Amino acid sequence: MWALWALCLAGLGAALGSYSADQCSWRGSGLSQEAGSVEQLSLHCAEGSLEWLYPTGALRLSLSPRLPTAAAGHGKSPGHVTACIKPSSTFRGAQIYLERDGLLELLLAEADASLRPRVRCFSWLPRDKVALFLQSTLHPDISRRIAALRYELRADWRARLALPSGSLSGEGACRPCNDTEILMAICTSDFVVRGNIRSVANDAELQESVIGVSAARVHRQKLPLFQAAGGSMRTPLRCGVKPGPGTFLFTGWLHFGEAWLSCAPRYKDFRRIYEGARRARQNPCEFPLD
């Protein structure tokens, strides 16, 4: 590990800077790198991708999203920033480390990436300096090695985020939302759907539960994942979601094109909370009730 860190420090001065014009994604080849070099990359978007063909040497990727200074006009600056990475199903030729406070922590081993792709997440404060360090692994033939991944970044002012099971953070994702979190969730979530739980399927390998829902009304969705016939969303298996009667208001976020549950109050409880906040003029946004 110390040898790996020494390699990183040695390459800081002479590393090659290369990133795409939009600074969201990068695609490059290890064949253009000098032996033993560390190429410095910096991406500044909320989501994007990286594709490293024929990995040799190492990459050091800084994720520096341009975050707003306040949360959608609510006067609150972001606390932690959360990043999630999802390796491709054909990820080969490298291992990924999280660099934080001068230390490296293994985030994704090459052997693990060859199994079912699993999302890894981690958080940091905006003033902290973190980076992803991709170290190539030795292979006699690199011609079929491509280390590719997608990433997403979020600031936690939008809502409490239920992260996938591979996260290095996300404690408390299973606790019920309080009234303030529910009111913020209907204003800022990627999807808001009223409906019933139709089924719950547990995936022990991914440590995820897939919740099938019947949608009575789709109030908002960033992608067309929920139709009149319903749709599905995910939550960590440890949350222990069970099928049951009643109408709920499902809210949550999109992770790599999949819906992840955040707050899900019973609709009758949500109406009570919202109507009380509206009478007190404390509702953060208008929401249709019927």
C-alpha atoms as a PDB file:
ATOM      1  CA  MET A   1       0.000   0.000   0.000  1.00  0.00           C
ATOM      2  CA  TRP A   2       2.827   2.421   0.852  1.00  0.00           C
ATOM      3  CA  ALA A   3       4.462   1.604  -2.455  1.00  0.00           C
ATOM      4  CA  LEU A   4       1.213   2.460  -4.201  1.00  0.00           C
ATOM      5  CA  TRP A   5       0.971   5.771  -2.353  1.00  0.00           C
ATOM      6  CA  ALA A   6       4.579   6.566  -3.193  1.00  0.00           C
ATOM      7  CA  LEU A   7       3.777   5.985  -6.859  1.00  0.00           C
ATOM      8  CA  CYS A   8       0.894   8.413  -6.582  1.00  0.00           C
ATOM      9  CA  LEU A   9       3.046  11.146  -5.018  1.00  0.00           C
ATOM     10  CA  ALA A  10       5.834  10.619  -7.509  1.00  0.00           C
ATOM     11  CA  GLY A  11       3.491  11.131 -10.425  1.00  0.00           C
ATOM     12  CA  LEU A  12       1.845  14.345  -9.237  1.00  0.00           C
ATOM     13  CA  GLY A  13       4.292  16.708 -10.852  1.00  0.00           C
ATOM     14  CA  ALA A  14       4.645  15.060 -14.236  1.00  0.00           C
ATOM     15  CA  ALA A  15       1.155  13.675 -14.678  1.00  0.00           C
ATOM     16  CA  LEU A  16      -0.740  14.255 -17.890  1.00  0.00           C
ATOM     17  CA  GLY A  17      -3.940  16.316 -17.687  1.00  0.00           C
ATOM     18  CA  SER A  18      -6.671  15.068 -20.001  1.00  0.00           C
ATOM     19  CA  TYR A  19     -10.438  15.349 -19.826  1.00  0.00           C
ATOM     20  CA  SER A  20     -13.374  15.801 -22.124  1.00  0.00           C
ATOM     21  CA  ALA A  21     -14.493  19.216 -23.298  1.00  0.00           C
ATOM     22  CA  ASP A  22     -17.644  19.143 -21.163  1.00  0.00           C
ATOM     23  CA  GLN A  23     -15.656  18.005 -18.106  1.00  0.00           C
ATOM     24  CA  CYS A  24     -18.294  15.383 -17.305  1.00  0.00           C
ATOM     25  CA  SER A  25     -16.756  12.252 -18.839  1.00  0.00           C
ATOM     26  CA  TRP A  26     -13.329  10.977 -19.818  1.00  0.00           C
ATOM     27  CA  ARG A  27     -12.146   8.301 -22.209  1.00  0.00           C
ATOM     28  CA  GLY A  28      -8.501   7.481 -22.703  1.00  0.00           C
ATOM     29  CA  SER A  29      -5.944   4.757 -23.229  1.00  0.00           C
ATOM     30  CA  GLY A  30      -3.138   3.544 -21.026  1.00  0.00           C
ATOM     31  CA  LEU A  31      -1.066   3.053 -24.156  1.00  0.00           C
ATOM     32  CA  SER A  32      -0.503   6.817 -24.281  1.00  0.00           C
ATOM     33  CA  GLN A  33       0.791   6.968 -20.699  1.00  0.00           C
ATOM     34  CA  GLU A  34       4.408   6.810 -19.677  1.00  0.00           C
ATOM     35  CA  ALA A  35       5.368   3.705 -17.738  1.00  0.00           C
ATOM     36  CA  GLY A  36       4.615   4.124 -14.034  1.00  0.00           C
ATOM     37  CA  SER A  37       2.954   7.528 -14.469  1.00  0.00           C
ATOM     38  CA  VAL A  38      -0.163   8.808 -12.705  1.00  0.00           C
ATOM     39  CA  GLU A  39      -2.523  10.737 -14.957  1.00  0.00           C
ATOM     40  CA  GLN A  40      -4.409  13.519 -13.206  1.00  0.00           C
ATOM     41  CA  LEU A  41      -8.090  13.935 -14.111  1.00  0.00           C
ATOM     42  CA  SER A  42     -10.692  16.404 -12.841  1.00  0.00           C
ATOM     43  CA  LEU A  43     -14.410  16.201 -13.584  1.00  0.00           C
ATOM     44  CA  HIS A  44     -16.909  18.858 -12.541  1.00  0.00           C
ATOM     45  CA  CYS A  45     -20.384  17.505 -13.271  1.00  0.00           C
ATOM     46  CA  ALA A  46     -23.103  15.858 -11.215  1.00  0.00           C
ATOM     47  CA  GLU A  47     -22.865  12.713 -13.327  1.00  0.00           C
ATOM     48  CA  GLY A  48     -20.707  11.251 -16.031  1.00  0.00           C
ATOM     49  CA  SER A  49     -18.509   8.319 -16.965  1.00  0.00           C
ATOM     50  CA  LEU A  50     -14.941   7.158 -17.251  1.00  0.00           C
ATOM     51  CA  GLU A  51     -13.550   4.599 -19.704  1.00  0.00           C
ATOM     52  CA  TRP A  52      -9.895   3.575 -19.397  1.00  0.00           C
ATOM     53  CA  LEU A  53      -8.755   1.325 -22.221  1.00  0.00           C
ATOM     54  CA  TYR A  54      -5.717  -0.944 -21.792  1.00  0.00           C
ATOM     55  CA  PRO A  55      -4.977   0.266 -18.231  1.00  0.00           C
ATOM     56  CA  THR A  56      -1.321   0.855 -17.370  1.00  0.00           C
ATOM     57  CA  GLY A  57       0.092   3.002 -14.584  1.00  0.00           C
ATOM     58  CA  ALA A  58      -2.623   4.801 -12.633  1.00  0.00           C
ATOM     59  CA  LEU A  59      -5.308   7.480 -12.787  1.00  0.00           C
ATOM     60  CA  ARG A  60      -6.140   9.979 -10.060  1.00  0.00           C
ATOM     61  CA  LEU A  61      -9.657  11.350 -10.507  1.00  0.00           C
ATOM     62  CA  SER A  62     -10.830  14.415  -8.602  1.00  0.00           C
ATOM     63  CA  LEU A  63     -14.600  14.921  -8.460  1.00  0.00           C
ATOM     64  CA  SER A  64     -15.349  18.598  -7.933  1.00  0.00           C
ATOM     65  CA  PRO A  65     -19.013  19.289  -8.687  1.00  0.00           C
ATOM     66  CA  ARG A  66     -20.112  22.903  -8.942  1.00  0.00           C
ATOM     67  CA  LEU A  67     -22.601  22.828  -6.085  1.00  0.00           C
ATOM     68  CA  PRO A  68     -25.086  25.656  -5.436  1.00  0.00           C
ATOM     69  CA  THR A  69     -24.500  27.786  -2.357  1.00  0.00           C
ATOM     70  CA  ALA A  70     -28.062  27.299  -1.183  1.00  0.00           C
ATOM     71  CA  ALA A  71     -30.653  24.603  -1.573  1.00  0.00           C
ATOM     72  CA  ALA A  72     -33.195  25.623  -4.193  1.00  0.00           C
ATOM     73  CA  GLY A  73     -33.915  28.894  -2.446  1.00  0.00           C
ATOM     74  CA  HIS A  74     -34.359  27.365   1.012  1.00  0.00           C
ATOM     75  CA  GLY A  75     -31.264  29.139   2.352  1.00  0.00           C
ATOM     76  CA  LYS A  76     -29.397  26.016   3.382  1.00  0.00           C
ATOM     77  CA  SER A  77     -25.915  25.211   2.139  1.00  0.00           C
ATOM     78  CA  PRO A  78     -25.062  21.589   1.365  1.00  0.00           C
ATOM     79  CA  GLY A  79     -23.498  19.535   4.131  1.00  0.00           C
ATOM     80  CA  HIS A  80     -22.002  16.309   2.862  1.00  0.00           C
ATOM     81  CA  VAL A  81     -21.491  15.535  -0.794  1.00  0.00           C
ATOM     82  CA  THR A  82     -22.242  11.924  -1.728  1.00  0.00           C
ATOM     83  CA  ALA A  83     -20.690  10.200  -4.729  1.00  0.00           C
ATOM     84  CA  CYS A  84     -21.691   6.817  -6.113  1.00  0.00           C
ATOM     85  CA  ILE A  85     -19.831   4.801  -8.724  1.00  0.00           C
ATOM     86  CA  LYS A  86     -21.121   1.848 -10.711  1.00  0.00           C
ATOM     87  CA  PRO A  87     -18.568  -0.313 -12.573  1.00  0.00           C
ATOM     88  CA  SER A  88     -19.478  -1.739 -15.955  1.00  0.00           C
ATOM     89  CA  SER A  89     -20.259  -5.437 -16.202  1.00  0.00           C
ATOM     90  CA  THR A  90     -16.990  -5.868 -18.122  1.00  0.00           C
ATOM     91  CA  PHE A  91     -14.767  -3.890 -15.726  1.00  0.00           C
ATOM     92  CA  ARG A  92     -11.247  -5.317 -16.004  1.00  0.00           C
ATOM     93  CA  GLY A  93      -7.648  -4.307 -15.537  1.00  0.00           C
ATOM     94  CA  ALA A  94      -7.729  -2.029 -12.488  1.00  0.00           C
ATOM     95  CA  GLN A  95      -8.658  -1.611  -8.845  1.00  0.00           C
ATOM     96  CA  ILE A  96     -10.259   1.520  -7.395  1.00  0.00           C
ATOM     97  CA  TYR A  97      -9.190   3.183  -4.158  1.00  0.00           C
ATOM     98  CA  LEU A  98     -10.760   6.093  -2.286  1.00  0.00           C
ATOM     99  CA  GLU A  99      -8.125   8.685  -1.387  1.00  0.00           C
ATOM    100  CA  ARG A 100      -9.094  10.666   1.697  1.00  0.00           C
ATOM    101  CA  ASP A 101      -6.850  12.648   4.050  1.00  0.00           C
ATOM    102  CA  GLY A 102      -3.718  11.169   2.490  1.00  0.00           C
ATOM    103  CA  LEU A 103      -4.853   7.566   2.964  1.00  0.00           C
ATOM    104  CA  LEU A 104      -6.056   5.009   0.434  1.00  0.00           C
ATOM    105  CA  GLU A 105      -9.016   2.721   1.081  1.00  0.00           C
ATOM    106  CA  LEU A 106      -9.882  -0.102  -1.308  1.00  0.00           C
ATOM    107  CA  LEU A 107     -13.246   0.688  -2.877  1.00  0.00           C
ATOM    108  CA  LEU A 108     -13.425  -1.905  -5.645  1.00  0.00           C
ATOM    109  CA  ALA A 109     -11.165  -4.898  -6.224  1.00  0.00           C
ATOM    110  CA  GLU A 110     -10.859  -6.223  -9.763  1.00  0.00           C
ATOM    111  CA  ALA A 111     -12.081  -9.641  -8.621  1.00  0.00           C
ATOM    112  CA  ASP A 112     -15.242  -8.097  -7.140  1.00  0.00           C
ATOM    113  CA  ALA A 113     -15.941  -6.131 -10.318  1.00  0.00           C
ATOM    114  CA  SER A 114     -16.075  -9.370 -12.321  1.00  0.00           C
ATOM    115  CA  LEU A 115     -19.175 -10.351 -10.310  1.00  0.00           C
ATOM    116  CA  ARG A 116     -22.519  -8.530 -10.587  1.00  0.00           C
ATOM    117  CA  PRO A 117     -21.825  -4.774 -10.848  1.00  0.00           C
ATOM    118  CA  ARG A 118     -22.574  -3.161  -7.509  1.00  0.00           C
ATOM    119  CA  VAL A 119     -22.856   0.513  -6.659  1.00  0.00           C
ATOM    120  CA  ARG A 120     -20.308   1.914  -4.199  1.00  0.00           C
ATOM    121  CA  CYS A 121     -20.962   5.224  -2.440  1.00  0.00           C
ATOM    122  CA  PHE A 122     -19.004   7.528  -0.160  1.00  0.00           C
ATOM    123  CA  SER A 123     -19.470  11.005   1.334  1.00  0.00           C
ATOM    124  CA  TRP A 124     -17.341  14.003   2.231  1.00  0.00           C
ATOM    125  CA  LEU A 125     -17.646  17.640   3.260  1.00  0.00           C
ATOM    126  CA  PRO A 126     -17.388  20.221   0.448  1.00  0.00           C
ATOM    127  CA  ARG A 127     -14.166  21.628   1.922  1.00  0.00           C
ATOM    128  CA  ASP A 128     -12.509  18.195   2.054  1.00  0.00           C
ATOM    129  CA  LYS A 129     -10.233  16.902  -0.686  1.00  0.00           C
ATOM    130  CA  VAL A 130     -11.049  13.418  -1.925  1.00  0.00           C
ATOM    131  CA  ALA A 131     -10.200  11.559  -5.098  1.00  0.00           C
ATOM    132  CA  LEU A 132     -10.555   8.189  -6.766  1.00  0.00           C
ATOM    133  CA  PHE A 133      -7.286   6.393  -7.444  1.00  0.00           C
ATOM    134  CA  LEU A 134      -7.415   3.753 -10.189  1.00  0.00           C
ATOM    135  CA  GLN A 135      -4.389   1.448 -10.105  1.00  0.00           C
ATOM    136  CA  SER A 136      -3.849  -0.864 -13.065  1.00  0.00           C
ATOM    137  CA  THR A 137      -3.352  -4.542 -12.301  1.00  0.00           C
ATOM    138  CA  LEU A 138      -0.696  -6.683 -13.927  1.00  0.00           C
ATOM    139  CA  HIS A 139      -1.810  -8.921 -16.771  1.00  0.00           C
ATOM    140  CA  PRO A 140       0.242 -10.587 -19.508  1.00  0.00           C
ATOM    141  CA  ASP A 141      -2.348  -9.455 -22.059  1.00  0.00           C
ATOM    142  CA  ILE A 142      -4.027  -6.042 -21.659  1.00  0.00           C
ATOM    143  CA  SER A 143      -5.730  -6.066 -25.051  1.00  0.00           C
ATOM    144  CA  ARG A 144      -9.115  -6.978 -23.588  1.00  0.00           C
ATOM    145  CA  ARG A 145      -8.885  -4.901 -20.419  1.00  0.00           C
ATOM    146  CA  ILE A 146     -11.225  -1.918 -20.085  1.00  0.00           C
ATOM    147  CA  ALA A 147     -11.927  -0.241 -16.746  1.00  0.00           C
ATOM    148  CA  ALA A 148     -15.208   1.627 -17.220  1.00  0.00           C
ATOM    149  CA  LEU A 149     -17.585   3.139 -14.683  1.00  0.00           C
ATOM    150  CA  ARG A 150     -20.357   5.686 -14.264  1.00  0.00           C
ATOM    151  CA  TYR A 151     -20.567   8.174 -11.393  1.00  0.00           C
ATOM    152  CA  GLU A 152     -23.208  10.354  -9.762  1.00  0.00           C
ATOM    153  CA  LEU A 153     -22.838  13.105  -7.163  1.00  0.00           C
ATOM    154  CA  ARG A 154     -25.452  14.651  -4.910  1.00  0.00           C
ATOM    155  CA  ALA A 155     -25.524  17.219  -2.136  1.00  0.00           C
ATOM    156  CA  ASP A 156     -27.473  16.043   0.896  1.00  0.00           C
ATOM    157  CA  TRP A 157     -29.559  19.213   1.229  1.00  0.00           C
ATOM    158  CA  ARG A 158     -32.161  17.740  -1.121  1.00  0.00           C
ATOM    159  CA  ALA A 159     -33.298  14.940   1.194  1.00  0.00           C
ATOM    160  CA  ARG A 160     -32.142  12.036   3.263  1.00  0.00           C
ATOM    161  CA  LEU A 161     -30.658   9.612   0.738  1.00  0.00           C
ATOM    162  CA  ALA A 162     -31.236   5.859   0.981  1.00  0.00           C
ATOM    163  CA  LEU A 163     -27.988   4.557  -0.456  1.00  0.00           C
ATOM    164  CA  PRO A 164     -27.338   1.119  -1.923  1.00  0.00           C
ATOM    165  CA  SER A 165     -25.843  -1.577   0.278  1.00  0.00           C
ATOM    166  CA  GLY A 166     -22.308  -1.136  -1.056  1.00  0.00           C
ATOM    167  CA  SER A 167     -22.124   2.336   0.476  1.00  0.00           C
ATOM    168  CA  LEU A 168     -19.424   3.535   2.806  1.00  0.00           C
ATOM    169  CA  SER A 169     -22.065   5.831   4.292  1.00  0.00           C
ATOM    170  CA  GLY A 170     -25.828   6.113   4.458  1.00  0.00           C
ATOM    171  CA  GLU A 171     -26.462   5.270   8.090  1.00  0.00           C
ATOM    172  CA  GLY A 172     -30.057   5.961   9.088  1.00  0.00           C
ATOM    173  CA  ALA A 173     -31.450   5.383   5.609  1.00  0.00           C
ATOM    174  CA  CYS A 174     -34.057   2.979   7.034  1.00  0.00           C
ATOM    175  CA  ARG A 175     -35.505   5.179   9.743  1.00  0.00           C
ATOM    176  CA  PRO A 176     -38.915   6.785   9.058  1.00  0.00           C
ATOM    177  CA  CYS A 177     -38.818  10.317   7.675  1.00  0.00           C
ATOM    178  CA  ASN A 178     -39.852  13.098  10.011  1.00  0.00           C
ATOM    179  CA  ASP A 179     -42.425  15.717   8.999  1.00  0.00           C
ATOM    180  CA  THR A 180     -39.828  18.183   7.679  1.00  0.00           C
ATOM    181  CA  GLU A 181     -38.167  15.513   5.537  1.00  0.00           C
ATOM    182  CA  ILE A 182     -41.521  14.443   4.106  1.00  0.00           C
ATOM    183  CA  LEU A 183     -42.426  18.013   3.149  1.00  0.00           C
ATOM    184  CA  MET A 184     -39.022  18.550   1.512  1.00  0.00           C
ATOM    185  CA  ALA A 185     -39.226  15.188  -0.270  1.00  0.00           C
ATOM    186  CA  ILE A 186     -42.408  16.086  -2.160  1.00  0.00           C
ATOM    187  CA  CYS A 187     -40.743  19.292  -3.380  1.00  0.00           C
ATOM    188  CA  THR A 188     -37.314  18.015  -4.416  1.00  0.00           C
ATOM    189  CA  SER A 189     -37.458  14.261  -5.121  1.00  0.00           C
ATOM    190  CA  ASP A 190     -36.876  12.792  -8.565  1.00  0.00           C
ATOM    191  CA  PHE A 191     -40.218  10.999  -8.331  1.00  0.00           C
ATOM    192  CA  VAL A 192     -43.411  11.383  -6.293  1.00  0.00           C
ATOM    193  CA  VAL A 193     -45.931   8.579  -6.784  1.00  0.00           C
ATOM    194  CA  ARG A 194     -49.127   7.761  -4.906  1.00  0.00           C
ATOM    195  CA  GLY A 195     -50.012   4.069  -4.856  1.00  0.00           C
ATOM    196  CA  ASN A 196     -49.960   0.703  -3.151  1.00  0.00           C
ATOM    197  CA  ILE A 197     -47.282  -1.914  -2.501  1.00  0.00           C
ATOM    198  CA  ARG A 198     -47.942  -4.795  -4.879  1.00  0.00           C
ATOM    199  CA  SER A 199     -44.937  -7.008  -4.116  1.00  0.00           C
ATOM    200  CA  VAL A 200     -41.523  -7.092  -2.454  1.00  0.00           C
ATOM    201  CA  ALA A 201     -38.687  -9.201  -3.889  1.00  0.00           C
ATOM    202  CA  ASN A 202     -35.468  -9.546  -1.893  1.00  0.00           C
ATOM    203  CA  ASP A 203     -32.072  -9.931  -3.579  1.00  0.00           C
ATOM    204  CA  ALA A 204     -29.720 -11.414  -0.977  1.00  0.00           C
ATOM    205  CA  GLU A 205     -26.668 -11.131  -3.235  1.00  0.00           C
ATOM    206  CA  LEU A 206     -27.073  -7.411  -3.905  1.00  0.00           C
ATOM    207  CA  GLN A 207     -28.610  -6.824  -0.453  1.00  0.00           C
ATOM    208  CA  GLU A 208     -31.484  -4.928  -2.062  1.00  0.00           C
ATOM    209  CA  SER A 209     -35.274  -5.153  -1.983  1.00  0.00           C
ATOM    210  CA  VAL A 210     -37.280  -4.415  -5.142  1.00  0.00           C
ATOM    211  CA  ILE A 211     -40.704  -2.964  -4.329  1.00  0.00           C
ATOM    212  CA  GLY A 212     -43.396  -3.372  -6.978  1.00  0.00           C
ATOM    213  CA  VAL A 213     -46.081  -0.695  -6.764  1.00  0.00           C
ATOM    214  CA  SER A 214     -49.457  -0.001  -8.347  1.00  0.00           C
ATOM    215  CA  ALA A 215     -49.525   3.699  -9.193  1.00  0.00           C
ATOM    216  CA  ALA A 216     -52.814   5.491  -8.576  1.00  0.00           C
ATOM    217  CA  ARG A 217     -51.266   8.842  -9.555  1.00  0.00           C
ATOM    218  CA  VAL A 218     -47.813   9.882 -10.742  1.00  0.00           C
ATOM    219  CA  HIS A 219     -47.296  13.410  -9.431  1.00  0.00           C
ATOM    220  CA  ARG A 220     -43.760  13.806 -10.787  1.00  0.00           C
ATOM    221  CA  GLN A 221     -40.982  11.689 -12.239  1.00  0.00           C
ATOM    222  CA  LYS A 222     -37.667  12.601 -13.808  1.00  0.00           C
ATOM    223  CA  LEU A 223     -37.696   9.504 -16.028  1.00  0.00           C
ATOM    224  CA  PRO A 224     -40.785   7.569 -17.205  1.00  0.00           C
ATOM    225  CA  LEU A 225     -40.311   4.666 -14.788  1.00  0.00           C
ATOM    226  CA  PHE A 226     -43.860   4.638 -13.382  1.00  0.00           C
ATOM    227  CA  GLN A 227     -46.917   4.134 -15.552  1.00  0.00           C
ATOM    228  CA  ALA A 228     -50.594   3.582 -14.780  1.00  0.00           C
ATOM    229  CA  ALA A 229     -49.877  -0.132 -14.393  1.00  0.00           C
ATOM    230  CA  GLY A 230     -47.208   0.646 -11.825  1.00  0.00           C
ATOM    231  CA  GLY A 231     -43.453   0.359 -11.559  1.00  0.00           C
ATOM    232  CA  SER A 232     -40.728  -0.594  -9.112  1.00  0.00           C
ATOM    233  CA  MET A 233     -38.226   1.019  -6.765  1.00  0.00           C
ATOM    234  CA  ARG A 234     -35.347  -0.228  -4.666  1.00  0.00           C
ATOM    235  CA  THR A 235     -34.307   0.040  -1.050  1.00  0.00           C
ATOM    236  CA  PRO A 236     -31.554  -1.582   1.045  1.00  0.00           C
ATOM    237  CA  LEU A 237     -32.481  -5.096   2.152  1.00  0.00           C
ATOM    238  CA  ARG A 238     -31.647  -4.185   5.745  1.00  0.00           C
ATOM    239  CA  CYS A 239     -34.673  -1.870   5.804  1.00  0.00           C
ATOM    240  CA  GLY A 240     -36.936  -4.946   5.891  1.00  0.00           C
ATOM    241  CA  VAL A 241     -39.751  -3.634   3.688  1.00  0.00           C
ATOM    242  CA  LYS A 242     -42.843  -5.877   3.780  1.00  0.00           C
ATOM    243  CA  PRO A 243     -45.913  -5.884   1.517  1.00  0.00           C
ATOM    244  CA  GLY A 244     -49.025  -4.566   3.183  1.00  0.00           C
ATOM    245  CA  PRO A 245     -52.326  -2.748   2.669  1.00  0.00           C
ATOM    246  CA  GLY A 246     -52.796   0.992   2.428  1.00  0.00           C
ATOM    247  CA  THR A 247     -52.063   3.874   0.080  1.00  0.00           C
ATOM    248  CA  PHE A 248     -48.619   5.478   0.305  1.00  0.00           C
ATOM    249  CA  LEU A 249     -46.890   8.521  -1.159  1.00  0.00           C
ATOM    250  CA  PHE A 250     -43.587   7.179  -2.505  1.00  0.00           C
ATOM    251  CA  THR A 251     -40.726   9.626  -3.005  1.00  0.00           C
ATOM    252  CA  GLY A 252     -37.109   9.062  -3.883  1.00  0.00           C
ATOM    253  CA  TRP A 253     -34.127   9.502  -6.175  1.00  0.00           C
ATOM    254  CA  LEU A 254     -32.724   8.023  -9.329  1.00  0.00           C
ATOM    255  CA  HIS A 255     -29.442   6.109  -9.150  1.00  0.00           C
ATOM    256  CA  PHE A 256     -28.048   5.122 -12.536  1.00  0.00           C
ATOM    257  CA  GLY A 257     -31.521   4.987 -14.059  1.00  0.00           C
ATOM    258  CA  GLU A 258     -33.125   3.068 -11.163  1.00  0.00           C
ATOM    259  CA  ALA A 259     -35.634   4.446  -8.655  1.00  0.00           C
ATOM    260  CA  TRP A 260     -34.532   4.356  -4.991  1.00  0.00           C
ATOM    261  CA  LEU A 261     -37.019   4.935  -2.204  1.00  0.00           C
ATOM    262  CA  SER A 262     -36.531   7.793   0.245  1.00  0.00           C
ATOM    263  CA  CYS A 263     -39.686   8.803   2.170  1.00  0.00           C
ATOM    264  CA  ALA A 264     -42.931   6.825   1.912  1.00  0.00           C
ATOM    265  CA  PRO A 265     -45.588   8.045   4.367  1.00  0.00           C
ATOM    266  CA  ARG A 266     -49.123   6.697   4.258  1.00  0.00           C
ATOM    267  CA  TYR A 267     -51.113   9.108   2.158  1.00  0.00           C
ATOM    268  CA  LYS A 268     -53.557   9.919   4.967  1.00  0.00           C
ATOM    269  CA  ASP A 269     -50.606  10.839   7.228  1.00  0.00           C
ATOM    270  CA  PHE A 270     -49.056  12.957   4.491  1.00  0.00           C
ATOM    271  CA  ARG A 271     -52.344  14.877   4.024  1.00  0.00           C
ATOM    272  CA  ARG A 272     -52.448  15.633   7.749  1.00  0.00           C
ATOM    273  CA  ILE A 273     -48.813  16.831   7.761  1.00  0.00           C
ATOM    274  CA  TYR A 274     -49.204  18.917   4.611  1.00  0.00           C
ATOM    275  CA  GLU A 275     -52.507  20.547   5.590  1.00  0.00           C
ATOM    276  CA  GLY A 276     -51.067  21.476   8.994  1.00  0.00           C
ATOM    277  CA  ALA A 277     -47.990  23.019   7.363  1.00  0.00           C
ATOM    278  CA  ARG A 278     -50.157  24.923   4.872  1.00  0.00           C
ATOM    279  CA  ARG A 279     -52.325  26.383   7.630  1.00  0.00           C
ATOM    280  CA  ALA A 280     -49.152  27.496   9.415  1.00  0.00           C
ATOM    281  CA  ARG A 281     -47.722  28.742   6.087  1.00  0.00           C
ATOM    282  CA  GLN A 282     -44.724  26.483   6.536  1.00  0.00           C
ATOM    283  CA  ASN A 283     -45.126  24.260   3.476  1.00  0.00           C
ATOM    284  CA  PRO A 284     -41.981  24.621   1.291  1.00  0.00           C
ATOM    285  CA  CYS A 285     -43.951  24.136  -1.947  1.00  0.00           C
ATOM    286  CA  GLU A 286     -47.490  23.685  -3.214  1.00  0.00           C
ATOM    287  CA  PHE A 287     -48.725  20.125  -3.694  1.00  0.00           C
ATOM    288  CA  PRO A 288     -52.075  19.050  -5.179  1.00  0.00           C
ATOM    289  CA  LEU A 289     -54.428  17.231  -2.809  1.00  0.00           C
ATOM    290  CA  ASP A 290     -57.517  15.388  -4.001  1.00  0.00           C
END
